Amino acid sequence: MSDENQEYTKDYSDDAFWGKIKSYAKKAGKGVLEPALKMYFALKDSDTPLWAKSTIVGALGYFISPIDAIPDLIPVLGYTDDVGVLAAALAAVSAYIKEEHKEKAQQMLQKWLG
């Protein structure tokens, strides 16, 4: 994980993650939520190695953090930086994203977004 993302690990907690997801689900949309949820479920999996969990925590911490390169409150553009960070982290840990993680993410998205 890059030093830049490591600084966001302090912003990560399960409560902060779920608070952000619940508050911004419809506004953020599937493109932001799907990779975040996949990685969250991989983070909770005991099979995921520590280096991958560290990468995930950094990316999810960035997503949660109110201090972004592009503030989330800016219409349309607000989540573009989050998508980039989440996509890069997802690519790095993709070997540890199991089918069950994808299914859980899809179930939650269906429940929240229809």
PDB file of N, CA and C in Angstrom:
ATOM      1  N   MET A   1       0.848  -1.177   0.000  1.00  0.00           N
ATOM      2  CA  MET A   1       0.000   0.000   0.000  1.00  0.00           C
ATOM      3  C   MET A   1       0.891   1.238   0.000  1.00  0.00           C
ATOM      4  N   SER A   2       0.497   2.242  -0.749  1.00  0.00           N
ATOM      5  CA  SER A   2       1.311   3.449  -0.821  1.00  0.00           C
ATOM      6  C   SER A   2       1.246   4.210   0.500  1.00  0.00           C
ATOM      7  N   ASP A   3       2.292   5.008   0.747  1.00  0.00           N
ATOM      8  CA  ASP A   3       2.323   5.822   1.959  1.00  0.00           C
ATOM      9  C   ASP A   3       1.137   6.769   2.002  1.00  0.00           C
ATOM     10  N   GLU A   4       0.728   7.235   0.830  1.00  0.00           N
ATOM     11  CA  GLU A   4      -0.395   8.157   0.740  1.00  0.00           C
ATOM     12  C   GLU A   4      -1.672   7.514   1.292  1.00  0.00           C
ATOM     13  N   ASN A   5      -1.944   6.259   0.945  1.00  0.00           N
ATOM     14  CA  ASN A   5      -3.136   5.581   1.438  1.00  0.00           C
ATOM     15  C   ASN A   5      -2.998   5.169   2.896  1.00  0.00           C
ATOM     16  N   GLN A   6      -1.773   4.913   3.371  1.00  0.00           N
ATOM     17  CA  GLN A   6      -1.570   4.501   4.757  1.00  0.00           C
ATOM     18  C   GLN A   6      -2.078   5.543   5.726  1.00  0.00           C
ATOM     19  N   GLU A   7      -1.979   6.805   5.373  1.00  0.00           N
ATOM     20  CA  GLU A   7      -2.432   7.844   6.284  1.00  0.00           C
ATOM     21  C   GLU A   7      -3.940   7.754   6.530  1.00  0.00           C
ATOM     22  N   TYR A   8      -4.668   7.091   5.666  1.00  0.00           N
ATOM     23  CA  TYR A   8      -6.121   6.979   5.825  1.00  0.00           C
ATOM     24  C   TYR A   8      -6.536   5.779   6.664  1.00  0.00           C
ATOM     25  N   THR A   9      -5.577   4.927   7.050  1.00  0.00           N
ATOM     26  CA  THR A   9      -5.949   3.776   7.872  1.00  0.00           C
ATOM     27  C   THR A   9      -6.527   4.224   9.209  1.00  0.00           C
ATOM     28  N   LYS A  10      -6.098   5.367   9.708  1.00  0.00           N
ATOM     29  CA  LYS A  10      -6.628   5.872  10.967  1.00  0.00           C
ATOM     30  C   LYS A  10      -8.103   6.265  10.843  1.00  0.00           C
ATOM     31  N   ASP A  11      -8.562   6.526   9.635  1.00  0.00           N
ATOM     32  CA  ASP A  11      -9.955   6.913   9.420  1.00  0.00           C
ATOM     33  C   ASP A  11     -10.888   5.718   9.328  1.00  0.00           C
ATOM     34  N   TYR A  12     -10.320   4.511   9.214  1.00  0.00           N
ATOM     35  CA  TYR A  12     -11.174   3.337   9.030  1.00  0.00           C
ATOM     36  C   TYR A  12     -11.649   2.766  10.361  1.00  0.00           C
ATOM     37  N   SER A  13     -12.936   2.458  10.399  1.00  0.00           N
ATOM     38  CA  SER A  13     -13.541   1.631  11.440  1.00  0.00           C
ATOM     39  C   SER A  13     -14.802   1.045  10.826  1.00  0.00           C
ATOM     40  N   ASP A  14     -15.249  -0.075  11.353  1.00  0.00           N
ATOM     41  CA  ASP A  14     -16.485  -0.669  10.833  1.00  0.00           C
ATOM     42  C   ASP A  14     -17.650   0.315  10.954  1.00  0.00           C
ATOM     43  N   ASP A  15     -17.756   0.976  12.100  1.00  0.00           N
ATOM     44  CA  ASP A  15     -18.864   1.918  12.305  1.00  0.00           C
ATOM     45  C   ASP A  15     -18.809   3.081  11.313  1.00  0.00           C
ATOM     46  N   ALA A  16     -17.611   3.614  11.082  1.00  0.00           N
ATOM     47  CA  ALA A  16     -17.475   4.722  10.128  1.00  0.00           C
ATOM     48  C   ALA A  16     -17.795   4.256   8.707  1.00  0.00           C
ATOM     49  N   PHE A  17     -17.357   3.034   8.361  1.00  0.00           N
ATOM     50  CA  PHE A  17     -17.645   2.492   7.035  1.00  0.00           C
ATOM     51  C   PHE A  17     -19.150   2.373   6.819  1.00  0.00           C
ATOM     52  N   TRP A  18     -19.849   1.715   7.744  1.00  0.00           N
ATOM     53  CA  TRP A  18     -21.290   1.524   7.582  1.00  0.00           C
ATOM     54  C   TRP A  18     -22.054   2.841   7.660  1.00  0.00           C
ATOM     55  N   GLY A  19     -21.561   3.780   8.471  1.00  0.00           N
ATOM     56  CA  GLY A  19     -22.197   5.101   8.525  1.00  0.00           C
ATOM     57  C   GLY A  19     -22.112   5.812   7.189  1.00  0.00           C
ATOM     58  N   LYS A  20     -20.944   5.771   6.558  1.00  0.00           N
ATOM     59  CA  LYS A  20     -20.762   6.410   5.244  1.00  0.00           C
ATOM     60  C   LYS A  20     -21.621   5.713   4.196  1.00  0.00           C
ATOM     61  N   ILE A  21     -21.608   4.387   4.206  1.00  0.00           N
ATOM     62  CA  ILE A  21     -22.400   3.626   3.237  1.00  0.00           C
ATOM     63  C   ILE A  21     -23.877   3.978   3.363  1.00  0.00           C
ATOM     64  N   LYS A  22     -24.393   3.968   4.575  1.00  0.00           N
ATOM     65  CA  LYS A  22     -25.823   4.229   4.787  1.00  0.00           C
ATOM     66  C   LYS A  22     -26.191   5.663   4.440  1.00  0.00           C
ATOM     67  N   SER A  23     -25.309   6.603   4.765  1.00  0.00           N
ATOM     68  CA  SER A  23     -25.607   8.016   4.511  1.00  0.00           C
ATOM     69  C   SER A  23     -25.558   8.374   3.032  1.00  0.00           C
ATOM     70  N   TYR A  24     -24.665   7.721   2.290  1.00  0.00           N
ATOM     71  CA  TYR A  24     -24.415   8.135   0.913  1.00  0.00           C
ATOM     72  C   TYR A  24     -24.733   7.073  -0.131  1.00  0.00           C
ATOM     73  N   ALA A  25     -25.436   6.018   0.252  1.00  0.00           N
ATOM     74  CA  ALA A  25     -25.664   4.892  -0.667  1.00  0.00           C
ATOM     75  C   ALA A  25     -26.240   5.338  -2.003  1.00  0.00           C
ATOM     76  N   LYS A  26     -27.335   6.021  -1.980  1.00  0.00           N
ATOM     77  CA  LYS A  26     -27.969   6.408  -3.244  1.00  0.00           C
ATOM     78  C   LYS A  26     -27.158   7.464  -3.982  1.00  0.00           C
ATOM     79  N   LYS A  27     -26.575   8.383  -3.250  1.00  0.00           N
ATOM     80  CA  LYS A  27     -25.794   9.452  -3.874  1.00  0.00           C
ATOM     81  C   LYS A  27     -24.506   8.904  -4.499  1.00  0.00           C
ATOM     82  N   ALA A  28     -23.831   8.013  -3.781  1.00  0.00           N
ATOM     83  CA  ALA A  28     -22.566   7.466  -4.279  1.00  0.00           C
ATOM     84  C   ALA A  28     -22.788   6.520  -5.446  1.00  0.00           C
ATOM     85  N   GLY A  29     -23.826   5.691  -5.366  1.00  0.00           N
ATOM     86  CA  GLY A  29     -24.167   4.788  -6.452  1.00  0.00           C
ATOM     87  C   GLY A  29     -23.364   3.501  -6.450  1.00  0.00           C
ATOM     88  N   LYS A  30     -23.753   2.629  -7.334  1.00  0.00           N
ATOM     89  CA  LYS A  30     -23.181   1.288  -7.430  1.00  0.00           C
ATOM     90  C   LYS A  30     -21.687   1.302  -7.744  1.00  0.00           C
ATOM     91  N   GLY A  31     -21.250   2.221  -8.584  1.00  0.00           N
ATOM     92  CA  GLY A  31     -19.844   2.267  -8.988  1.00  0.00           C
ATOM     93  C   GLY A  31     -18.886   2.491  -7.832  1.00  0.00           C
ATOM     94  N   VAL A  32     -19.334   3.182  -6.808  1.00  0.00           N
ATOM     95  CA  VAL A  32     -18.522   3.413  -5.616  1.00  0.00           C
ATOM     96  C   VAL A  32     -18.752   2.314  -4.595  1.00  0.00           C
ATOM     97  N   LEU A  33     -20.002   1.961  -4.394  1.00  0.00           N
ATOM     98  CA  LEU A  33     -20.340   1.022  -3.328  1.00  0.00           C
ATOM     99  C   LEU A  33     -19.914  -0.412  -3.602  1.00  0.00           C
ATOM    100  N   GLU A  34     -20.017  -0.854  -4.835  1.00  0.00           N
ATOM    101  CA  GLU A  34     -19.708  -2.253  -5.131  1.00  0.00           C
ATOM    102  C   GLU A  34     -18.262  -2.623  -4.773  1.00  0.00           C
ATOM    103  N   PRO A  35     -17.253  -1.871  -5.243  1.00  0.00           N
ATOM    104  CA  PRO A  35     -15.894  -2.250  -4.845  1.00  0.00           C
ATOM    105  C   PRO A  35     -15.657  -2.100  -3.346  1.00  0.00           C
ATOM    106  N   ALA A  36     -16.264  -1.094  -2.739  1.00  0.00           N
ATOM    107  CA  ALA A  36     -16.100  -0.899  -1.294  1.00  0.00           C
ATOM    108  C   ALA A  36     -16.664  -2.092  -0.527  1.00  0.00           C
ATOM    109  N   LEU A  37     -17.841  -2.554  -0.913  1.00  0.00           N
ATOM    110  CA  LEU A  37     -18.452  -3.693  -0.227  1.00  0.00           C
ATOM    111  C   LEU A  37     -17.678  -4.990  -0.461  1.00  0.00           C
ATOM    112  N   LYS A  38     -17.231  -5.212  -1.681  1.00  0.00           N
ATOM    113  CA  LYS A  38     -16.435  -6.417  -1.966  1.00  0.00           C
ATOM    114  C   LYS A  38     -15.196  -6.447  -1.075  1.00  0.00           C
ATOM    115  N   MET A  39     -14.533  -5.316  -0.991  1.00  0.00           N
ATOM    116  CA  MET A  39     -13.323  -5.272  -0.180  1.00  0.00           C
ATOM    117  C   MET A  39     -13.635  -5.389   1.309  1.00  0.00           C
ATOM    118  N   TYR A  40     -14.746  -4.817   1.732  1.00  0.00           N
ATOM    119  CA  TYR A  40     -15.128  -4.938   3.139  1.00  0.00           C
ATOM    120  C   TYR A  40     -15.292  -6.411   3.511  1.00  0.00           C
ATOM    121  N   PHE A  41     -15.996  -7.160   2.679  1.00  0.00           N
ATOM    122  CA  PHE A  41     -16.208  -8.568   2.983  1.00  0.00           C
ATOM    123  C   PHE A  41     -14.905  -9.367   2.905  1.00  0.00           C
ATOM    124  N   ALA A  42     -13.995  -8.991   2.012  1.00  0.00           N
ATOM    125  CA  ALA A  42     -12.681  -9.634   1.964  1.00  0.00           C
ATOM    126  C   ALA A  42     -11.877  -9.298   3.218  1.00  0.00           C
ATOM    127  N   LEU A  43     -12.010  -8.070   3.696  1.00  0.00           N
ATOM    128  CA  LEU A  43     -11.331  -7.640   4.913  1.00  0.00           C
ATOM    129  C   LEU A  43     -11.736  -8.504   6.103  1.00  0.00           C
ATOM    130  N   LYS A  44     -12.985  -8.883   6.158  1.00  0.00           N
ATOM    131  CA  LYS A  44     -13.511  -9.667   7.269  1.00  0.00           C
ATOM    132  C   LYS A  44     -13.212 -11.165   7.142  1.00  0.00           C
ATOM    133  N   ASP A  45     -12.667 -11.576   6.014  1.00  0.00           N
ATOM    134  CA  ASP A  45     -12.376 -12.983   5.742  1.00  0.00           C
ATOM    135  C   ASP A  45     -11.002 -13.347   6.312  1.00  0.00           C
ATOM    136  N   SER A  46     -10.953 -14.383   7.129  1.00  0.00           N
ATOM    137  CA  SER A  46      -9.691 -14.796   7.741  1.00  0.00           C
ATOM    138  C   SER A  46      -8.680 -15.315   6.714  1.00  0.00           C
ATOM    139  N   ASP A  47      -9.119 -15.664   5.521  1.00  0.00           N
ATOM    140  CA  ASP A  47      -8.209 -16.134   4.471  1.00  0.00           C
ATOM    141  C   ASP A  47      -7.452 -14.999   3.783  1.00  0.00           C
ATOM    142  N   THR A  48      -7.902 -13.782   3.940  1.00  0.00           N
ATOM    143  CA  THR A  48      -7.260 -12.644   3.280  1.00  0.00           C
ATOM    144  C   THR A  48      -5.962 -12.315   4.015  1.00  0.00           C
ATOM    145  N   PRO A  49      -4.825 -12.260   3.285  1.00  0.00           N
ATOM    146  CA  PRO A  49      -3.542 -11.983   3.941  1.00  0.00           C
ATOM    147  C   PRO A  49      -3.468 -10.553   4.490  1.00  0.00           C
ATOM    148  N   LEU A  50      -2.587 -10.389   5.452  1.00  0.00           N
ATOM    149  CA  LEU A  50      -2.443  -9.104   6.139  1.00  0.00           C
ATOM    150  C   LEU A  50      -2.127  -7.956   5.184  1.00  0.00           C
ATOM    151  N   TRP A  51      -1.245  -8.176   4.199  1.00  0.00           N
ATOM    152  CA  TRP A  51      -0.895  -7.084   3.279  1.00  0.00           C
ATOM    153  C   TRP A  51      -2.131  -6.629   2.509  1.00  0.00           C
ATOM    154  N   ALA A  52      -3.002  -7.580   2.113  1.00  0.00           N
ATOM    155  CA  ALA A  52      -4.216  -7.225   1.378  1.00  0.00           C
ATOM    156  C   ALA A  52      -5.187  -6.480   2.292  1.00  0.00           C
ATOM    157  N   LYS A  53      -5.288  -6.932   3.539  1.00  0.00           N
ATOM    158  CA  LYS A  53      -6.161  -6.244   4.500  1.00  0.00           C
ATOM    159  C   LYS A  53      -5.680  -4.816   4.731  1.00  0.00           C
ATOM    160  N   SER A  54      -4.369  -4.619   4.783  1.00  0.00           N
ATOM    161  CA  SER A  54      -3.814  -3.271   4.954  1.00  0.00           C
ATOM    162  C   SER A  54      -4.166  -2.377   3.773  1.00  0.00           C
ATOM    163  N   THR A  55      -4.072  -2.928   2.575  1.00  0.00           N
ATOM    164  CA  THR A  55      -4.445  -2.180   1.376  1.00  0.00           C
ATOM    165  C   THR A  55      -5.929  -1.818   1.413  1.00  0.00           C
ATOM    166  N   ILE A  56      -6.751  -2.763   1.796  1.00  0.00           N
ATOM    167  CA  ILE A  56      -8.202  -2.535   1.871  1.00  0.00           C
ATOM    168  C   ILE A  56      -8.523  -1.472   2.912  1.00  0.00           C
ATOM    169  N   VAL A  57      -7.923  -1.572   4.083  1.00  0.00           N
ATOM    170  CA  VAL A  57      -8.190  -0.591   5.146  1.00  0.00           C
ATOM    171  C   VAL A  57      -7.791   0.809   4.695  1.00  0.00           C
ATOM    172  N   GLY A  58      -6.659   0.929   4.010  1.00  0.00           N
ATOM    173  CA  GLY A  58      -6.244   2.240   3.493  1.00  0.00           C
ATOM    174  C   GLY A  58      -7.240   2.802   2.502  1.00  0.00           C
ATOM    175  N   ALA A  59      -7.712   1.961   1.583  1.00  0.00           N
ATOM    176  CA  ALA A  59      -8.675   2.423   0.570  1.00  0.00           C
ATOM    177  C   ALA A  59     -10.019   2.772   1.200  1.00  0.00           C
ATOM    178  N   LEU A  60     -10.503   1.922   2.111  1.00  0.00           N
ATOM    179  CA  LEU A  60     -11.780   2.208   2.761  1.00  0.00           C
ATOM    180  C   LEU A  60     -11.664   3.411   3.693  1.00  0.00           C
ATOM    181  N   GLY A  61     -10.490   3.582   4.297  1.00  0.00           N
ATOM    182  CA  GLY A  61     -10.256   4.772   5.116  1.00  0.00           C
ATOM    183  C   GLY A  61     -10.330   6.041   4.278  1.00  0.00           C
ATOM    184  N   TYR A  62      -9.770   5.989   3.064  1.00  0.00           N
ATOM    185  CA  TYR A  62      -9.861   7.135   2.153  1.00  0.00           C
ATOM    186  C   TYR A  62     -11.321   7.413   1.793  1.00  0.00           C
ATOM    187  N   PHE A  63     -12.065   6.354   1.512  1.00  0.00           N
ATOM    188  CA  PHE A  63     -13.481   6.487   1.173  1.00  0.00           C
ATOM    189  C   PHE A  63     -14.256   7.132   2.324  1.00  0.00           C
ATOM    190  N   ILE A  64     -13.946   6.755   3.539  1.00  0.00           N
ATOM    191  CA  ILE A  64     -14.638   7.267   4.721  1.00  0.00           C
ATOM    192  C   ILE A  64     -14.211   8.690   5.062  1.00  0.00           C
ATOM    193  N   SER A  65     -12.945   8.988   4.862  1.00  0.00           N
ATOM    194  CA  SER A  65     -12.383  10.266   5.285  1.00  0.00           C
ATOM    195  C   SER A  65     -13.122  11.457   4.670  1.00  0.00           C
ATOM    196  N   PRO A  66     -13.407  12.452   5.497  1.00  0.00           N
ATOM    197  CA  PRO A  66     -14.032  13.664   4.954  1.00  0.00           C
ATOM    198  C   PRO A  66     -13.046  14.517   4.169  1.00  0.00           C
ATOM    199  N   ILE A  67     -11.758  14.200   4.265  1.00  0.00           N
ATOM    200  CA  ILE A  67     -10.731  14.961   3.554  1.00  0.00           C
ATOM    201  C   ILE A  67     -10.322  14.170   2.316  1.00  0.00           C
ATOM    202  N   ASP A  68     -10.835  14.569   1.176  1.00  0.00           N
ATOM    203  CA  ASP A  68     -10.590  13.914  -0.108  1.00  0.00           C
ATOM    204  C   ASP A  68      -9.929  14.896  -1.055  1.00  0.00           C
ATOM    205  N   ALA A  69      -9.362  14.352  -2.110  1.00  0.00           N
ATOM    206  CA  ALA A  69      -8.836  15.209  -3.176  1.00  0.00           C
ATOM    207  C   ALA A  69      -9.986  16.010  -3.799  1.00  0.00           C
ATOM    208  N   ILE A  70     -11.138  15.356  -3.965  1.00  0.00           N
ATOM    209  CA  ILE A  70     -12.342  16.011  -4.477  1.00  0.00           C
ATOM    210  C   ILE A  70     -13.436  15.776  -3.430  1.00  0.00           C
ATOM    211  N   PRO A  71     -13.904  16.817  -2.746  1.00  0.00           N
ATOM    212  CA  PRO A  71     -14.914  16.630  -1.698  1.00  0.00           C
ATOM    213  C   PRO A  71     -16.161  15.913  -2.221  1.00  0.00           C
ATOM    214  N   ASP A  72     -16.672  14.968  -1.412  1.00  0.00           N
ATOM    215  CA  ASP A  72     -17.818  14.155  -1.814  1.00  0.00           C
ATOM    216  C   ASP A  72     -19.099  14.971  -2.006  1.00  0.00           C
ATOM    217  N   LEU A  73     -19.135  16.171  -1.478  1.00  0.00           N
ATOM    218  CA  LEU A  73     -20.336  16.995  -1.586  1.00  0.00           C
ATOM    219  C   LEU A  73     -20.480  17.661  -2.952  1.00  0.00           C
ATOM    220  N   ILE A  74     -19.428  17.639  -3.763  1.00  0.00           N
ATOM    221  CA  ILE A  74     -19.489  18.254  -5.091  1.00  0.00           C
ATOM    222  C   ILE A  74     -20.296  17.337  -6.011  1.00  0.00           C
ATOM    223  N   PRO A  75     -21.404  17.834  -6.559  1.00  0.00           N
ATOM    224  CA  PRO A  75     -22.237  16.990  -7.425  1.00  0.00           C
ATOM    225  C   PRO A  75     -21.447  16.405  -8.594  1.00  0.00           C
ATOM    226  N   VAL A  76     -21.737  15.195  -8.946  1.00  0.00           N
ATOM    227  CA  VAL A  76     -21.183  14.422 -10.046  1.00  0.00           C
ATOM    228  C   VAL A  76     -19.706  14.056  -9.825  1.00  0.00           C
ATOM    229  N   LEU A  77     -18.850  15.023  -9.577  1.00  0.00           N
ATOM    230  CA  LEU A  77     -17.415  14.776  -9.456  1.00  0.00           C
ATOM    231  C   LEU A  77     -16.980  14.292  -8.074  1.00  0.00           C
ATOM    232  N   GLY A  78     -17.807  14.453  -7.082  1.00  0.00           N
ATOM    233  CA  GLY A  78     -17.427  14.211  -5.696  1.00  0.00           C
ATOM    234  C   GLY A  78     -16.850  12.849  -5.379  1.00  0.00           C
ATOM    235  N   TYR A  79     -17.276  11.818  -6.084  1.00  0.00           N
ATOM    236  CA  TYR A  79     -16.794  10.476  -5.776  1.00  0.00           C
ATOM    237  C   TYR A  79     -15.770   9.953  -6.782  1.00  0.00           C
ATOM    238  N   THR A  80     -15.340  10.768  -7.725  1.00  0.00           N
ATOM    239  CA  THR A  80     -14.408  10.266  -8.732  1.00  0.00           C
ATOM    240  C   THR A  80     -13.065   9.866  -8.130  1.00  0.00           C
ATOM    241  N   ASP A  81     -12.594  10.611  -7.144  1.00  0.00           N
ATOM    242  CA  ASP A  81     -11.333  10.231  -6.506  1.00  0.00           C
ATOM    243  C   ASP A  81     -11.506   8.956  -5.688  1.00  0.00           C
ATOM    244  N   ASP A  82     -12.655   8.822  -5.032  1.00  0.00           N
ATOM    245  CA  ASP A  82     -12.929   7.596  -4.263  1.00  0.00           C
ATOM    246  C   ASP A  82     -12.954   6.381  -5.188  1.00  0.00           C
ATOM    247  N   VAL A  83     -13.592   6.519  -6.340  1.00  0.00           N
ATOM    248  CA  VAL A  83     -13.661   5.420  -7.305  1.00  0.00           C
ATOM    249  C   VAL A  83     -12.255   5.013  -7.740  1.00  0.00           C
ATOM    250  N   GLY A  84     -11.401   5.984  -7.995  1.00  0.00           N
ATOM    251  CA  GLY A  84     -10.031   5.686  -8.409  1.00  0.00           C
ATOM    252  C   GLY A  84      -9.248   4.936  -7.342  1.00  0.00           C
ATOM    253  N   VAL A  85      -9.341   5.389  -6.109  1.00  0.00           N
ATOM    254  CA  VAL A  85      -8.632   4.725  -5.010  1.00  0.00           C
ATOM    255  C   VAL A  85      -9.189   3.320  -4.790  1.00  0.00           C
ATOM    256  N   LEU A  86     -10.518   3.194  -4.786  1.00  0.00           N
ATOM    257  CA  LEU A  86     -11.143   1.882  -4.586  1.00  0.00           C
ATOM    258  C   LEU A  86     -10.790   0.925  -5.726  1.00  0.00           C
ATOM    259  N   ALA A  87     -10.793   1.429  -6.963  1.00  0.00           N
ATOM    260  CA  ALA A  87     -10.471   0.577  -8.116  1.00  0.00           C
ATOM    261  C   ALA A  87      -9.021   0.098  -8.064  1.00  0.00           C
ATOM    262  N   ALA A  88      -8.111   0.974  -7.688  1.00  0.00           N
ATOM    263  CA  ALA A  88      -6.699   0.589  -7.601  1.00  0.00           C
ATOM    264  C   ALA A  88      -6.495  -0.460  -6.504  1.00  0.00           C
ATOM    265  N   ALA A  89      -7.128  -0.250  -5.365  1.00  0.00           N
ATOM    266  CA  ALA A  89      -7.008  -1.215  -4.270  1.00  0.00           C
ATOM    267  C   ALA A  89      -7.646  -2.545  -4.652  1.00  0.00           C
ATOM    268  N   LEU A  90      -8.809  -2.476  -5.298  1.00  0.00           N
ATOM    269  CA  LEU A  90      -9.492  -3.702  -5.718  1.00  0.00           C
ATOM    270  C   LEU A  90      -8.628  -4.491  -6.699  1.00  0.00           C
ATOM    271  N   ALA A  91      -7.979  -3.798  -7.615  1.00  0.00           N
ATOM    272  CA  ALA A  91      -7.091  -4.472  -8.567  1.00  0.00           C
ATOM    273  C   ALA A  91      -5.930  -5.150  -7.835  1.00  0.00           C
ATOM    274  N   ALA A  92      -5.404  -4.490  -6.816  1.00  0.00           N
ATOM    275  CA  ALA A  92      -4.269  -5.038  -6.071  1.00  0.00           C
ATOM    276  C   ALA A  92      -4.637  -6.283  -5.264  1.00  0.00           C
ATOM    277  N   VAL A  93      -5.876  -6.331  -4.778  1.00  0.00           N
ATOM    278  CA  VAL A  93      -6.278  -7.452  -3.902  1.00  0.00           C
ATOM    279  C   VAL A  93      -7.268  -8.394  -4.576  1.00  0.00           C
ATOM    280  N   SER A  94      -7.452  -8.258  -5.866  1.00  0.00           N
ATOM    281  CA  SER A  94      -8.506  -9.006  -6.569  1.00  0.00           C
ATOM    282  C   SER A  94      -8.399 -10.514  -6.412  1.00  0.00           C
ATOM    283  N   ALA A  95      -7.207 -11.025  -6.233  1.00  0.00           N
ATOM    284  CA  ALA A  95      -7.036 -12.471  -6.064  1.00  0.00           C
ATOM    285  C   ALA A  95      -7.689 -12.969  -4.775  1.00  0.00           C
ATOM    286  N   TYR A  96      -7.973 -12.062  -3.853  1.00  0.00           N
ATOM    287  CA  TYR A  96      -8.559 -12.439  -2.562  1.00  0.00           C
ATOM    288  C   TYR A  96     -10.032 -12.066  -2.447  1.00  0.00           C
ATOM    289  N   ILE A  97     -10.600 -11.566  -3.535  1.00  0.00           N
ATOM    290  CA  ILE A  97     -12.039 -11.283  -3.569  1.00  0.00           C
ATOM    291  C   ILE A  97     -12.716 -12.567  -4.041  1.00  0.00           C
ATOM    292  N   LYS A  98     -13.380 -13.224  -3.133  1.00  0.00           N
ATOM    293  CA  LYS A  98     -14.026 -14.506  -3.425  1.00  0.00           C
ATOM    294  C   LYS A  98     -15.432 -14.282  -3.975  1.00  0.00           C
ATOM    295  N   GLU A  99     -15.964 -15.314  -4.560  1.00  0.00           N
ATOM    296  CA  GLU A  99     -17.330 -15.257  -5.082  1.00  0.00           C
ATOM    297  C   GLU A  99     -18.319 -14.890  -3.973  1.00  0.00           C
ATOM    298  N   GLU A 100     -18.110 -15.410  -2.779  1.00  0.00           N
ATOM    299  CA  GLU A 100     -19.018 -15.100  -1.665  1.00  0.00           C
ATOM    300  C   GLU A 100     -18.970 -13.614  -1.298  1.00  0.00           C
ATOM    301  N   HIS A 101     -17.815 -12.968  -1.454  1.00  0.00           N
ATOM    302  CA  HIS A 101     -17.709 -11.530  -1.191  1.00  0.00           C
ATOM    303  C   HIS A 101     -18.527 -10.758  -2.230  1.00  0.00           C
ATOM    304  N   LYS A 102     -18.407 -11.196  -3.478  1.00  0.00           N
ATOM    305  CA  LYS A 102     -19.154 -10.553  -4.561  1.00  0.00           C
ATOM    306  C   LYS A 102     -20.661 -10.718  -4.361  1.00  0.00           C
ATOM    307  N   GLU A 103     -21.075 -11.912  -3.957  1.00  0.00           N
ATOM    308  CA  GLU A 103     -22.499 -12.177  -3.744  1.00  0.00           C
ATOM    309  C   GLU A 103     -23.057 -11.345  -2.598  1.00  0.00           C
ATOM    310  N   LYS A 104     -22.318 -11.251  -1.499  1.00  0.00           N
ATOM    311  CA  LYS A 104     -22.775 -10.431  -0.371  1.00  0.00           C
ATOM    312  C   LYS A 104     -22.894  -8.965  -0.781  1.00  0.00           C
ATOM    313  N   ALA A 105     -21.914  -8.490  -1.553  1.00  0.00           N
ATOM    314  CA  ALA A 105     -21.956  -7.104  -2.029  1.00  0.00           C
ATOM    315  C   ALA A 105     -23.183  -6.883  -2.910  1.00  0.00           C
ATOM    316  N   GLN A 106     -23.452  -7.809  -3.825  1.00  0.00           N
ATOM    317  CA  GLN A 106     -24.611  -7.694  -4.715  1.00  0.00           C
ATOM    318  C   GLN A 106     -25.926  -7.709  -3.926  1.00  0.00           C
ATOM    319  N   GLN A 107     -26.009  -8.560  -2.920  1.00  0.00           N
ATOM    320  CA  GLN A 107     -27.218  -8.626  -2.095  1.00  0.00           C
ATOM    321  C   GLN A 107     -27.470  -7.293  -1.390  1.00  0.00           C
ATOM    322  N   MET A 108     -26.426  -6.702  -0.850  1.00  0.00           N
ATOM    323  CA  MET A 108     -26.583  -5.413  -0.166  1.00  0.00           C
ATOM    324  C   MET A 108     -26.966  -4.314  -1.152  1.00  0.00           C
ATOM    325  N   LEU A 109     -26.336  -4.298  -2.306  1.00  0.00           N
ATOM    326  CA  LEU A 109     -26.662  -3.295  -3.320  1.00  0.00           C
ATOM    327  C   LEU A 109     -28.116  -3.430  -3.766  1.00  0.00           C
ATOM    328  N   GLN A 110     -28.562  -4.645  -3.958  1.00  0.00           N
ATOM    329  CA  GLN A 110     -29.954  -4.883  -4.364  1.00  0.00           C
ATOM    330  C   GLN A 110     -30.914  -4.371  -3.286  1.00  0.00           C
ATOM    331  N   LYS A 111     -30.577  -4.630  -2.056  1.00  0.00           N
ATOM    332  CA  LYS A 111     -31.416  -4.207  -0.934  1.00  0.00           C
ATOM    333  C   LYS A 111     -31.500  -2.682  -0.853  1.00  0.00           C
ATOM    334  N   TRP A 112     -30.356  -2.003  -1.034  1.00  0.00           N
ATOM    335  CA  TRP A 112     -30.315  -0.548  -0.888  1.00  0.00           C
ATOM    336  C   TRP A 112     -30.728   0.211  -2.136  1.00  0.00           C
ATOM    337  N   LEU A 113     -30.314  -0.274  -3.285  1.00  0.00           N
ATOM    338  CA  LEU A 113     -30.518   0.493  -4.514  1.00  0.00           C
ATOM    339  C   LEU A 113     -31.600  -0.075  -5.431  1.00  0.00           C
ATOM    340  N   GLY A 114     -32.035  -1.285  -5.117  1.00  0.00           N
ATOM    341  CA  GLY A 114     -33.083  -1.915  -5.932  1.00  0.00           C
ATOM    342  C   GLY A 114     -32.626  -2.519  -7.215  1.00  0.00           C
TER     343      GLY A 114
END
